[in-house]
Amino acid sequence: MQQKKLLQISKFMSTTVVEDRFAVEKQRFLDLFEKHGAATGAVHPLQEYQQRAIRQAGALSFPTRRDEEWKYTSINRIVQQEYQLGEQVAVSADALSPFIPEGLDAHLIVFVNGVYQPQLSDEKTLPKGMSVLKLEDALDSDQFGTVARGELEKMLTEREDIFLSLNLAFSQHSLFFHTAKNTQAERPVYILHLAAPGGTPIYNSHLNIFVAEESSEFTVIEGQFQLPGTSGVYFNNLANRALVSPNAHVHHYCLQNEGEQGFVINNTDAAHDRDSTFNNYTIDLGGRIVRNNLNTVHLGSNLTTNYYGIYFGNGEQHIDNHTFLDHAVPHCQSNELYKGIVTDKARGVFNGKVLVRQDAQKTNAFQQSSSLVLSNKAQMDSKPQLEIFADDVRCSHGATIGQLDEDSVFYLRSRGMSDAAARAMLQFAFIGEVLGHFPNQAVSTFGAKMIAEKFGA
């Protein structure tokens, strides 16, 4: 009888290992959550959501390359580290200047290793009608509590994603943004994330919730960088949720130049209503492994979604952009343009899906992914997808993968340019088309500077 029981246990354990390849790695995150006391004594709604999120994470599995959405990207290097939470690091105001676009007039909010830095931030100067609160304060608020809870519920129920669950479980310094009806915020909000890794791998988790009420408009910029003079492994698990009301307009920028041992998973989910606009502008230059999931659902007619992305990977970088546009209602349009460069042993991935549902007549959807592969060992995987269930639409998509035109390189060299300068100019011209869609001139100029420095690296 005892032998039969042992055989049953052995069989169960074997099945468990097969089903959850990363069981040990997942347990490390669960232990880290328990270690920091977030798992017991819930006295606040945010803690209750965190406990629900960690339970959900415990029931989910990390994705493997057998999962269709992750077939080109392995997370082994990310999850096999033994992480600790980021700690407070002293940073001077002067140390911020390399990461702030010249001429940018913005409300600055600074995080170092995921820890809020009030002495370096100035969000208290926000205009009338615009509010930025800690997420726990928003949950306590009579004015914002209902919508904040609604977004957290969606986060837990809309998608089964273990990284989203871990993001919410460990979100200690997350933010809630709100613009009141008819508020036009002229100055953008700049959320600056700085990593200061050391000898121990660091795990950082941050969540933003953006709510734009009817006929309001605001711009938010996220900067993701590593402080000079620091080195080590770290993992930034970031998430954004945007709720865009009728006739509201949200512009979201992400400037990413993390360190060479930095891992980034960035989830951005947006839902917007009639006559509104949601624009996302992304530059990805740094990081060892970077995965961006950008998802938008249309809730009302006559709205516009724009995605513009630039990426450049060298060394052994891996940069993966996954986008999804859900045209759920008629008379909407979307534009999607990504351009990237991979060289050395780097790998780029673009997987863009556009879904046009049966009732979404008069949809106008455009998607284009173009990339340059500049070495024999670099790789690029591009998978544009259109799923159309309506018959009165204008939809197009395309993907190109190529190399630099050597005749153009020769022409520039014949005019006195060095080979390196000629190639850098042609590469910049290739991706410059995307920068031209960035409406904030200070951000566009800063992005061009970042790209030029990357070419010269």
Protein backbone atom coordinates (compact mmCIF):
# COMPACT_ATOMS: atom_id res chain seq x y z
CA MET A 1 0.00 0.00 0.00
CA GLN A 2 2.82 2.37 0.93
CA GLN A 3 4.66 1.58 -2.32
CA LYS A 4 1.52 2.26 -4.37
CA LYS A 5 1.12 5.63 -2.64
CA LEU A 6 4.74 6.54 -3.40
CA LEU A 7 4.23 5.65 -7.04
CA GLN A 8 1.17 7.90 -7.18
CA ILE A 9 3.12 10.78 -5.63
CA SER A 10 6.00 10.22 -8.05
CA LYS A 11 3.60 10.27 -10.99
CA PHE A 12 2.00 13.50 -9.73
CA MET A 13 5.40 15.17 -9.26
CA SER A 14 6.52 14.14 -12.73
CA THR A 15 3.37 15.62 -14.28
CA THR A 16 3.85 18.84 -12.33
CA VAL A 17 7.41 19.28 -13.60
CA VAL A 18 6.29 18.82 -17.19
CA GLU A 19 3.44 21.29 -16.87
CA ASP A 20 5.42 24.01 -15.06
CA ARG A 21 8.97 24.08 -16.29
CA PHE A 22 9.79 27.10 -14.15
CA ALA A 23 8.25 25.90 -10.89
CA VAL A 24 11.44 26.59 -8.91
CA GLU A 25 11.84 30.05 -10.43
CA LYS A 26 8.21 30.90 -9.74
CA GLN A 27 8.59 29.80 -6.13
CA ARG A 28 11.43 32.30 -5.73
CA PHE A 29 9.04 35.13 -6.57
CA LEU A 30 6.44 33.75 -4.17
CA ASP A 31 9.09 33.54 -1.43
CA LEU A 32 10.24 37.08 -2.19
CA PHE A 33 6.67 38.31 -1.80
CA GLU A 34 6.30 36.55 1.54
CA LYS A 35 9.71 37.76 2.73
CA HIS A 36 8.72 41.39 2.40
CA GLY A 37 5.58 41.00 4.47
CA ALA A 38 3.09 41.82 1.72
CA ALA A 39 1.38 38.45 2.06
CA THR A 40 -0.07 38.90 5.54
CA GLY A 41 -2.13 41.35 7.50
CA ALA A 42 -3.92 43.09 4.66
CA VAL A 43 -5.30 46.37 5.97
CA HIS A 44 -5.61 48.29 2.71
CA PRO A 45 -7.41 47.56 -0.60
CA LEU A 46 -4.11 47.68 -2.49
CA GLN A 47 -2.72 44.92 -0.29
CA GLU A 48 -5.82 42.86 -0.99
CA TYR A 49 -5.25 43.25 -4.74
CA GLN A 50 -1.58 42.36 -4.25
CA GLN A 51 -2.52 39.17 -2.43
CA ARG A 52 -4.98 38.24 -5.16
CA ALA A 53 -2.28 38.92 -7.75
CA ILE A 54 0.35 36.74 -6.07
CA ARG A 55 -2.18 33.91 -5.73
CA GLN A 56 -2.94 34.27 -9.41
CA ALA A 57 0.79 34.22 -10.22
CA GLY A 58 1.10 31.02 -8.23
CA ALA A 59 -1.59 29.41 -10.38
CA LEU A 60 -0.04 30.54 -13.69
CA SER A 61 3.10 29.39 -15.50
CA PHE A 62 5.88 31.35 -17.08
CA PRO A 63 5.68 31.18 -20.88
CA THR A 64 8.02 28.99 -22.89
CA ARG A 65 8.88 29.04 -26.56
CA ARG A 66 6.18 26.44 -27.08
CA ASP A 67 3.68 29.25 -26.49
CA GLU A 68 2.83 30.89 -29.80
CA GLU A 69 3.13 34.42 -28.41
CA TRP A 70 6.63 33.66 -27.07
CA LYS A 71 7.99 31.39 -29.78
CA TYR A 72 10.78 33.83 -30.70
CA THR A 73 11.70 34.92 -27.16
CA SER A 74 13.13 32.83 -24.34
CA ILE A 75 12.69 34.13 -20.80
CA ASN A 76 15.19 31.69 -19.28
CA ARG A 77 17.79 34.36 -18.51
CA ILE A 78 15.15 36.60 -16.94
CA VAL A 79 13.54 34.21 -14.49
CA GLN A 80 16.57 32.14 -13.48
CA GLN A 81 18.03 34.96 -11.40
CA GLU A 82 17.63 35.10 -7.62
CA TYR A 83 16.21 38.61 -7.26
CA GLN A 84 15.88 40.97 -4.34
CA LEU A 85 13.72 44.09 -4.33
CA GLY A 86 15.43 47.37 -5.22
CA GLU A 87 16.64 49.53 -2.35
CA GLN A 88 16.92 53.28 -1.85
CA VAL A 89 19.97 54.80 -3.58
CA ALA A 90 21.05 58.40 -3.11
CA VAL A 91 21.00 60.33 -6.39
CA SER A 92 21.71 64.04 -6.85
CA ALA A 93 19.65 66.35 -9.04
CA ASP A 94 22.71 66.94 -11.25
CA ALA A 95 22.84 63.22 -12.05
CA LEU A 96 19.47 63.48 -13.81
CA SER A 97 20.52 65.90 -16.54
CA PRO A 98 21.79 63.27 -19.05
CA PHE A 99 18.34 61.66 -19.01
CA ILE A 100 16.19 64.77 -19.44
CA PRO A 101 15.63 66.05 -22.99
CA GLU A 102 17.02 69.53 -23.45
CA GLY A 103 14.28 72.12 -23.54
CA LEU A 104 11.66 69.74 -22.16
CA ASP A 105 9.29 71.59 -19.85
CA ALA A 106 7.68 68.77 -17.90
CA HIS A 107 6.43 67.69 -14.50
CA LEU A 108 9.17 65.32 -13.33
CA ILE A 109 8.56 62.14 -11.28
CA VAL A 110 11.69 60.14 -10.43
CA PHE A 111 12.13 56.51 -9.35
CA VAL A 112 15.47 54.86 -8.56
CA ASN A 113 15.45 51.06 -8.32
CA GLY A 114 11.66 51.34 -8.28
CA VAL A 115 11.68 53.62 -5.22
CA TYR A 116 9.97 57.02 -5.45
CA GLN A 117 12.30 60.02 -5.03
CA PRO A 118 10.20 62.95 -3.72
CA GLN A 119 13.21 65.28 -3.40
CA LEU A 120 13.84 64.98 -7.15
CA SER A 121 10.21 65.20 -8.29
CA ASP A 122 7.94 68.18 -8.89
CA GLU A 123 4.51 66.74 -9.67
CA LYS A 124 2.97 69.09 -7.11
CA THR A 125 2.98 71.86 -9.77
CA LEU A 126 0.35 70.08 -11.86
CA PRO A 127 -2.30 72.28 -13.50
CA LYS A 128 -5.84 72.53 -12.21
CA GLY A 129 -7.83 69.50 -13.33
CA MET A 130 -4.86 67.12 -13.42
CA SER A 131 -4.09 64.81 -10.51
CA VAL A 132 -1.25 62.37 -9.83
CA LEU A 133 -1.70 60.18 -6.77
CA LYS A 134 -0.10 57.12 -5.27
CA LEU A 135 -2.24 54.17 -6.26
CA GLU A 136 -3.16 53.39 -2.66
CA ASP A 137 -4.38 57.00 -2.19
CA ALA A 138 -6.47 56.74 -5.35
CA LEU A 139 -8.09 53.56 -4.02
CA ASP A 140 -8.95 55.41 -0.79
CA SER A 141 -10.39 58.39 -2.67
CA ASP A 142 -14.15 58.92 -3.03
CA GLN A 143 -13.46 60.61 -6.38
CA PHE A 144 -11.10 58.06 -7.93
CA GLY A 145 -11.64 54.85 -5.96
CA THR A 146 -14.24 53.28 -8.25
CA VAL A 147 -12.28 53.73 -11.48
CA ALA A 148 -9.01 52.66 -9.84
CA ARG A 149 -10.61 49.47 -8.57
CA GLY A 150 -12.15 48.86 -11.98
CA GLU A 151 -8.75 49.01 -13.68
CA LEU A 152 -7.16 46.65 -11.17
CA GLU A 153 -10.03 44.20 -11.62
CA LYS A 154 -9.50 44.28 -15.38
CA MET A 155 -5.80 43.76 -14.88
CA LEU A 156 -6.49 40.59 -12.93
CA THR A 157 -9.21 39.21 -15.20
CA GLU A 158 -8.71 40.38 -18.81
CA ARG A 159 -5.51 38.47 -19.50
CA GLU A 160 -3.80 35.52 -17.85
CA ASP A 161 -0.26 36.86 -17.82
CA ILE A 162 2.06 35.93 -14.97
CA PHE A 163 4.18 39.02 -15.52
CA LEU A 164 1.13 41.25 -15.08
CA SER A 165 0.22 39.35 -11.93
CA LEU A 166 3.74 39.79 -10.54
CA ASN A 167 3.69 43.45 -11.50
CA LEU A 168 0.60 44.13 -9.41
CA ALA A 169 1.74 41.88 -6.56
CA PHE A 170 4.98 43.83 -6.10
CA SER A 171 3.75 47.33 -7.03
CA GLN A 172 4.70 49.43 -4.02
CA HIS A 173 5.14 52.91 -5.55
CA SER A 174 2.62 52.82 -8.39
CA LEU A 175 0.76 55.87 -9.67
CA PHE A 176 -2.73 56.93 -10.67
CA PHE A 177 -3.11 59.79 -13.19
CA HIS A 178 -6.36 61.61 -13.82
CA THR A 179 -7.31 64.52 -16.06
CA ALA A 180 -10.70 66.08 -15.45
CA LYS A 181 -13.23 66.83 -18.17
CA ASN A 182 -12.05 69.53 -20.62
CA THR A 183 -8.58 69.73 -19.03
CA GLN A 184 -5.78 70.45 -21.47
CA ALA A 185 -2.44 69.72 -19.78
CA GLU A 186 0.12 71.72 -21.73
CA ARG A 187 3.18 70.38 -19.89
CA PRO A 188 3.86 66.64 -20.15
CA VAL A 189 4.53 64.39 -17.17
CA TYR A 190 7.97 62.79 -17.33
CA ILE A 191 8.30 59.55 -15.32
CA LEU A 192 12.01 58.81 -15.05
CA HIS A 193 13.02 55.28 -14.04
CA LEU A 194 16.70 54.90 -13.14
CA ALA A 195 18.31 51.56 -12.39
CA ALA A 196 21.26 51.39 -10.00
CA PRO A 197 22.11 47.68 -9.90
CA GLY A 198 24.82 46.14 -7.76
CA GLY A 199 26.08 42.71 -6.86
CA THR A 200 22.64 41.20 -6.25
CA PRO A 201 20.07 40.93 -9.08
CA ILE A 202 17.31 43.48 -8.51
CA TYR A 203 13.61 43.15 -9.29
CA ASN A 204 11.63 46.36 -9.88
CA SER A 205 7.88 46.50 -10.42
CA HIS A 206 5.91 49.62 -11.36
CA LEU A 207 2.32 50.25 -12.49
CA ASN A 208 0.75 53.40 -13.94
CA ILE A 209 -2.97 53.92 -14.46
CA PHE A 210 -3.90 56.83 -16.77
CA VAL A 211 -7.49 58.09 -16.89
CA ALA A 212 -8.43 60.85 -19.34
CA GLU A 213 -11.95 62.18 -18.88
CA GLU A 214 -14.08 63.50 -21.75
CA SER A 215 -12.43 66.17 -23.97
CA SER A 216 -9.20 66.19 -21.96
CA GLU A 217 -5.64 65.82 -23.23
CA PHE A 218 -2.28 65.03 -21.70
CA THR A 219 1.17 63.67 -22.56
CA VAL A 220 3.18 61.24 -20.46
CA ILE A 221 6.82 60.34 -21.13
CA GLU A 222 8.57 57.35 -19.61
CA GLY A 223 12.36 57.29 -19.48
CA GLN A 224 14.11 54.02 -18.63
CA PHE A 225 17.86 54.23 -18.06
CA GLN A 226 20.74 52.86 -15.98
CA LEU A 227 22.82 55.21 -13.87
CA PRO A 228 26.45 55.55 -15.05
CA GLY A 229 29.01 53.82 -12.88
CA THR A 230 26.65 51.02 -11.86
CA SER A 231 26.59 47.46 -13.14
CA GLY A 232 24.72 44.27 -12.52
CA VAL A 233 21.61 42.30 -13.39
CA TYR A 234 18.15 43.76 -12.90
CA PHE A 235 14.62 43.13 -14.11
CA ASN A 236 12.12 45.94 -14.68
CA ASN A 237 8.59 44.55 -14.88
CA LEU A 238 6.51 47.57 -15.92
CA ALA A 239 2.84 48.03 -16.74
CA ASN A 240 0.63 50.87 -17.96
CA ARG A 241 -3.14 51.04 -18.25
CA ALA A 242 -4.83 53.87 -20.14
CA LEU A 243 -8.57 54.60 -20.08
CA VAL A 244 -9.39 57.26 -22.69
CA SER A 245 -12.88 58.78 -22.59
CA PRO A 246 -14.81 60.24 -25.57
CA ASN A 247 -12.98 63.04 -27.39
CA ALA A 248 -9.95 62.69 -25.10
CA HIS A 249 -6.37 62.48 -26.38
CA VAL A 250 -3.46 60.66 -24.71
CA HIS A 251 0.12 60.73 -25.99
CA HIS A 252 2.44 58.13 -24.45
CA TYR A 253 6.22 58.09 -25.06
CA CYS A 254 8.69 55.44 -23.93
CA LEU A 255 12.44 56.15 -24.18
CA GLN A 256 14.31 52.98 -23.22
CA ASN A 257 18.10 52.71 -22.96
CA GLU A 258 18.68 50.27 -20.12
CA GLY A 259 22.01 48.71 -19.20
CA GLU A 260 23.56 45.73 -20.94
CA GLN A 261 22.46 43.35 -18.16
CA GLY A 262 18.97 44.81 -17.82
CA PHE A 263 15.82 42.80 -18.51
CA VAL A 264 12.60 44.65 -19.40
CA ILE A 265 9.03 43.46 -19.80
CA ASN A 266 6.65 46.31 -20.54
CA ASN A 267 2.89 45.80 -20.78
CA THR A 268 0.74 48.70 -22.00
CA ASP A 269 -3.03 48.23 -22.28
CA ALA A 270 -5.29 51.00 -23.58
CA ALA A 271 -9.03 51.26 -24.09
CA HIS A 272 -10.47 54.34 -25.72
CA ASP A 273 -13.91 55.58 -26.63
CA ARG A 274 -15.47 57.53 -29.51
CA ASP A 275 -13.69 60.48 -31.17
CA SER A 276 -10.58 59.92 -29.03
CA THR A 277 -6.91 59.38 -29.79
CA PHE A 278 -4.29 57.14 -28.21
CA ASN A 279 -0.74 57.54 -29.51
CA ASN A 280 2.25 55.44 -28.47
CA TYR A 281 5.82 56.39 -29.40
CA THR A 282 8.63 53.98 -28.45
CA ILE A 283 12.42 54.00 -28.77
CA ASP A 284 14.21 50.82 -27.65
CA LEU A 285 17.99 50.94 -27.62
CA GLY A 286 19.22 49.21 -24.46
CA GLY A 287 18.61 46.12 -22.37
CA ARG A 288 19.76 42.52 -22.68
CA ILE A 289 16.24 41.15 -23.24
CA VAL A 290 13.34 43.51 -23.91
CA ARG A 291 9.74 42.51 -24.46
CA ASN A 292 7.04 45.11 -25.16
CA ASN A 293 3.35 44.11 -25.21
CA LEU A 294 1.19 46.95 -26.54
CA ASN A 295 -2.57 46.30 -26.70
CA THR A 296 -5.46 48.62 -27.57
CA VAL A 297 -9.19 47.99 -27.78
CA HIS A 298 -11.65 50.36 -29.47
CA LEU A 299 -14.83 51.08 -27.52
CA GLY A 300 -16.42 53.75 -29.72
CA SER A 301 -16.50 55.00 -33.31
CA ASN A 302 -14.43 57.69 -35.07
CA LEU A 303 -11.32 57.19 -32.97
CA THR A 304 -7.66 56.85 -33.94
CA THR A 305 -4.82 54.72 -32.61
CA ASN A 306 -1.21 55.37 -33.64
CA TYR A 307 1.81 53.19 -32.83
CA TYR A 308 5.29 54.36 -33.80
CA GLY A 309 8.34 52.33 -32.80
CA ILE A 310 12.12 52.42 -33.26
CA TYR A 311 14.59 49.80 -32.07
CA PHE A 312 18.30 49.14 -32.52
CA GLY A 313 20.01 46.05 -31.13
CA ASN A 314 23.68 45.15 -31.17
CA GLY A 315 25.92 42.78 -29.24
CA GLU A 316 23.65 39.99 -27.99
CA GLN A 317 20.56 42.11 -27.36
CA HIS A 318 17.07 40.72 -27.88
CA ILE A 319 14.26 43.23 -28.56
CA ASP A 320 10.73 41.93 -29.06
CA ASN A 321 7.73 44.11 -29.92
CA HIS A 322 4.27 42.55 -29.75
CA THR A 323 1.32 44.75 -30.70
CA PHE A 324 -2.41 44.10 -30.83
CA LEU A 325 -5.15 46.38 -32.15
CA ASP A 326 -8.74 45.34 -31.55
CA HIS A 327 -11.07 47.11 -33.99
CA ALA A 328 -14.28 46.20 -32.18
CA VAL A 329 -16.54 48.98 -33.53
CA PRO A 330 -17.06 50.65 -36.93
CA HIS A 331 -15.59 53.87 -38.34
CA CYS A 332 -12.17 53.72 -36.65
CA GLN A 333 -8.62 53.95 -37.92
CA SER A 334 -5.20 52.78 -36.81
CA ASN A 335 -1.66 53.43 -38.02
CA GLU A 336 1.31 51.32 -37.05
CA LEU A 337 4.89 51.93 -38.18
CA TYR A 338 7.93 50.15 -36.70
CA LYS A 339 11.50 50.36 -37.97
CA GLY A 340 14.46 48.57 -36.47
CA ILE A 341 18.10 47.62 -36.94
CA VAL A 342 19.90 44.53 -35.63
CA THR A 343 23.61 43.82 -35.95
CA ASP A 344 26.35 41.67 -34.38
CA LYS A 345 24.49 38.76 -32.68
CA ALA A 346 21.37 40.73 -31.82
CA ARG A 347 17.85 39.54 -32.52
CA GLY A 348 14.75 41.57 -33.24
CA VAL A 349 11.13 40.44 -33.18
CA PHE A 350 8.02 42.17 -34.44
CA ASN A 351 4.64 40.48 -34.08
CA GLY A 352 1.79 42.83 -34.93
CA LYS A 353 -1.81 41.68 -34.93
CA VAL A 354 -4.81 43.67 -36.13
CA LEU A 355 -8.25 42.23 -35.45
CA VAL A 356 -11.25 43.66 -37.31
CA ARG A 357 -14.44 42.29 -35.82
CA GLN A 358 -17.60 41.57 -37.79
CA ASP A 359 -19.36 44.79 -36.78
CA ALA A 360 -16.31 47.00 -37.38
CA GLN A 361 -17.29 48.20 -40.85
CA LYS A 362 -15.51 51.21 -42.40
CA THR A 363 -12.30 50.34 -40.57
CA ASN A 364 -9.08 51.85 -41.91
CA ALA A 365 -6.03 50.00 -40.60
CA PHE A 366 -2.41 50.34 -41.72
CA GLN A 367 0.56 48.36 -40.42
CA GLN A 368 4.17 48.40 -41.61
CA SER A 369 7.29 46.78 -40.12
CA SER A 370 10.66 47.38 -41.75
CA SER A 371 14.04 46.24 -40.50
CA LEU A 372 17.72 46.11 -41.44
CA VAL A 373 19.88 43.09 -40.62
CA LEU A 374 23.50 44.18 -40.76
CA SER A 375 25.49 41.06 -39.89
CA ASN A 376 25.45 37.38 -40.73
CA LYS A 377 24.76 36.42 -37.11
CA ALA A 378 21.95 38.89 -36.45
CA GLN A 379 18.35 37.67 -36.71
CA MET A 380 15.01 39.30 -37.38
CA ASP A 381 11.59 37.64 -37.05
CA SER A 382 8.64 39.59 -38.40
CA LYS A 383 5.08 38.34 -38.21
CA PRO A 384 2.39 40.82 -39.30
CA GLN A 385 -1.16 39.52 -38.86
CA LEU A 386 -4.53 40.71 -40.12
CA GLU A 387 -7.73 38.99 -39.01
CA ILE A 388 -10.67 40.60 -40.80
CA PHE A 389 -14.29 39.57 -40.23
CA ALA A 390 -15.90 42.66 -41.81
CA ASP A 391 -16.27 43.22 -45.55
CA ASP A 392 -16.28 47.02 -45.90
CA VAL A 393 -12.77 47.91 -44.72
CA ARG A 394 -9.45 49.32 -45.92
CA CYS A 395 -6.66 47.32 -44.31
CA SER A 396 -3.06 46.79 -45.32
CA HIS A 397 0.05 45.41 -43.75
CA GLY A 398 3.61 44.80 -44.85
CA ALA A 399 6.98 43.63 -43.59
CA THR A 400 10.41 44.10 -45.12
CA ILE A 401 13.80 42.81 -43.98
CA GLY A 402 16.89 43.97 -45.83
CA GLN A 403 20.42 45.32 -45.70
CA LEU A 404 22.09 48.65 -46.36
CA ASP A 405 22.45 49.64 -49.99
CA GLU A 406 26.19 49.28 -50.65
CA ASP A 407 25.94 51.61 -53.67
CA SER A 408 24.68 54.34 -51.34
CA VAL A 409 27.55 53.63 -48.94
CA PHE A 410 30.02 53.89 -51.82
CA TYR A 411 28.46 57.16 -52.98
CA LEU A 412 28.81 58.76 -49.54
CA ARG A 413 32.39 57.54 -49.18
CA SER A 414 33.23 58.98 -52.56
CA ARG A 415 32.12 62.34 -51.16
CA GLY A 416 34.70 62.14 -48.37
CA MET A 417 32.83 60.36 -45.58
CA SER A 418 34.35 57.48 -43.66
CA ASP A 419 32.77 54.06 -44.00
CA ALA A 420 31.44 54.18 -40.44
CA ALA A 421 29.99 57.68 -40.88
CA ALA A 422 28.37 56.74 -44.20
CA ARG A 423 26.71 53.67 -42.70
CA ALA A 424 25.55 55.57 -39.63
CA MET A 425 23.98 58.26 -41.83
CA LEU A 426 22.10 55.70 -43.91
CA GLN A 427 20.90 53.86 -40.82
CA PHE A 428 19.70 57.06 -39.24
CA ALA A 429 17.91 58.03 -42.46
CA PHE A 430 16.19 54.63 -42.42
CA ILE A 431 14.66 55.03 -38.98
CA GLY A 432 14.35 58.82 -39.13
CA GLU A 433 10.96 58.46 -40.81
CA VAL A 434 9.52 57.20 -37.54
CA LEU A 435 11.06 60.04 -35.51
CA GLY A 436 9.27 62.43 -37.82
CA HIS A 437 5.97 61.27 -36.31
CA PHE A 438 6.99 62.31 -32.76
CA PRO A 439 5.11 65.59 -32.18
CA ASN A 440 7.12 66.65 -29.10
CA GLN A 441 10.19 68.31 -30.58
CA ALA A 442 12.30 68.05 -27.42
CA VAL A 443 11.65 64.31 -27.20
CA SER A 444 12.30 63.83 -30.92
CA THR A 445 15.63 65.66 -30.69
CA PHE A 446 16.63 63.71 -27.58
CA GLY A 447 15.68 60.47 -29.32
CA ALA A 448 17.85 61.37 -32.30
CA LYS A 449 20.75 62.05 -29.94
CA MET A 450 20.26 58.67 -28.22
CA ILE A 451 20.22 56.90 -31.58
CA ALA A 452 23.33 58.73 -32.82
CA GLU A 453 25.20 57.71 -29.65
CA LYS A 454 24.10 54.13 -30.19
CA PHE A 455 25.44 54.17 -33.75
CA GLY A 456 28.78 55.43 -32.45
CA ALA A 457 29.04 52.83 -29.68
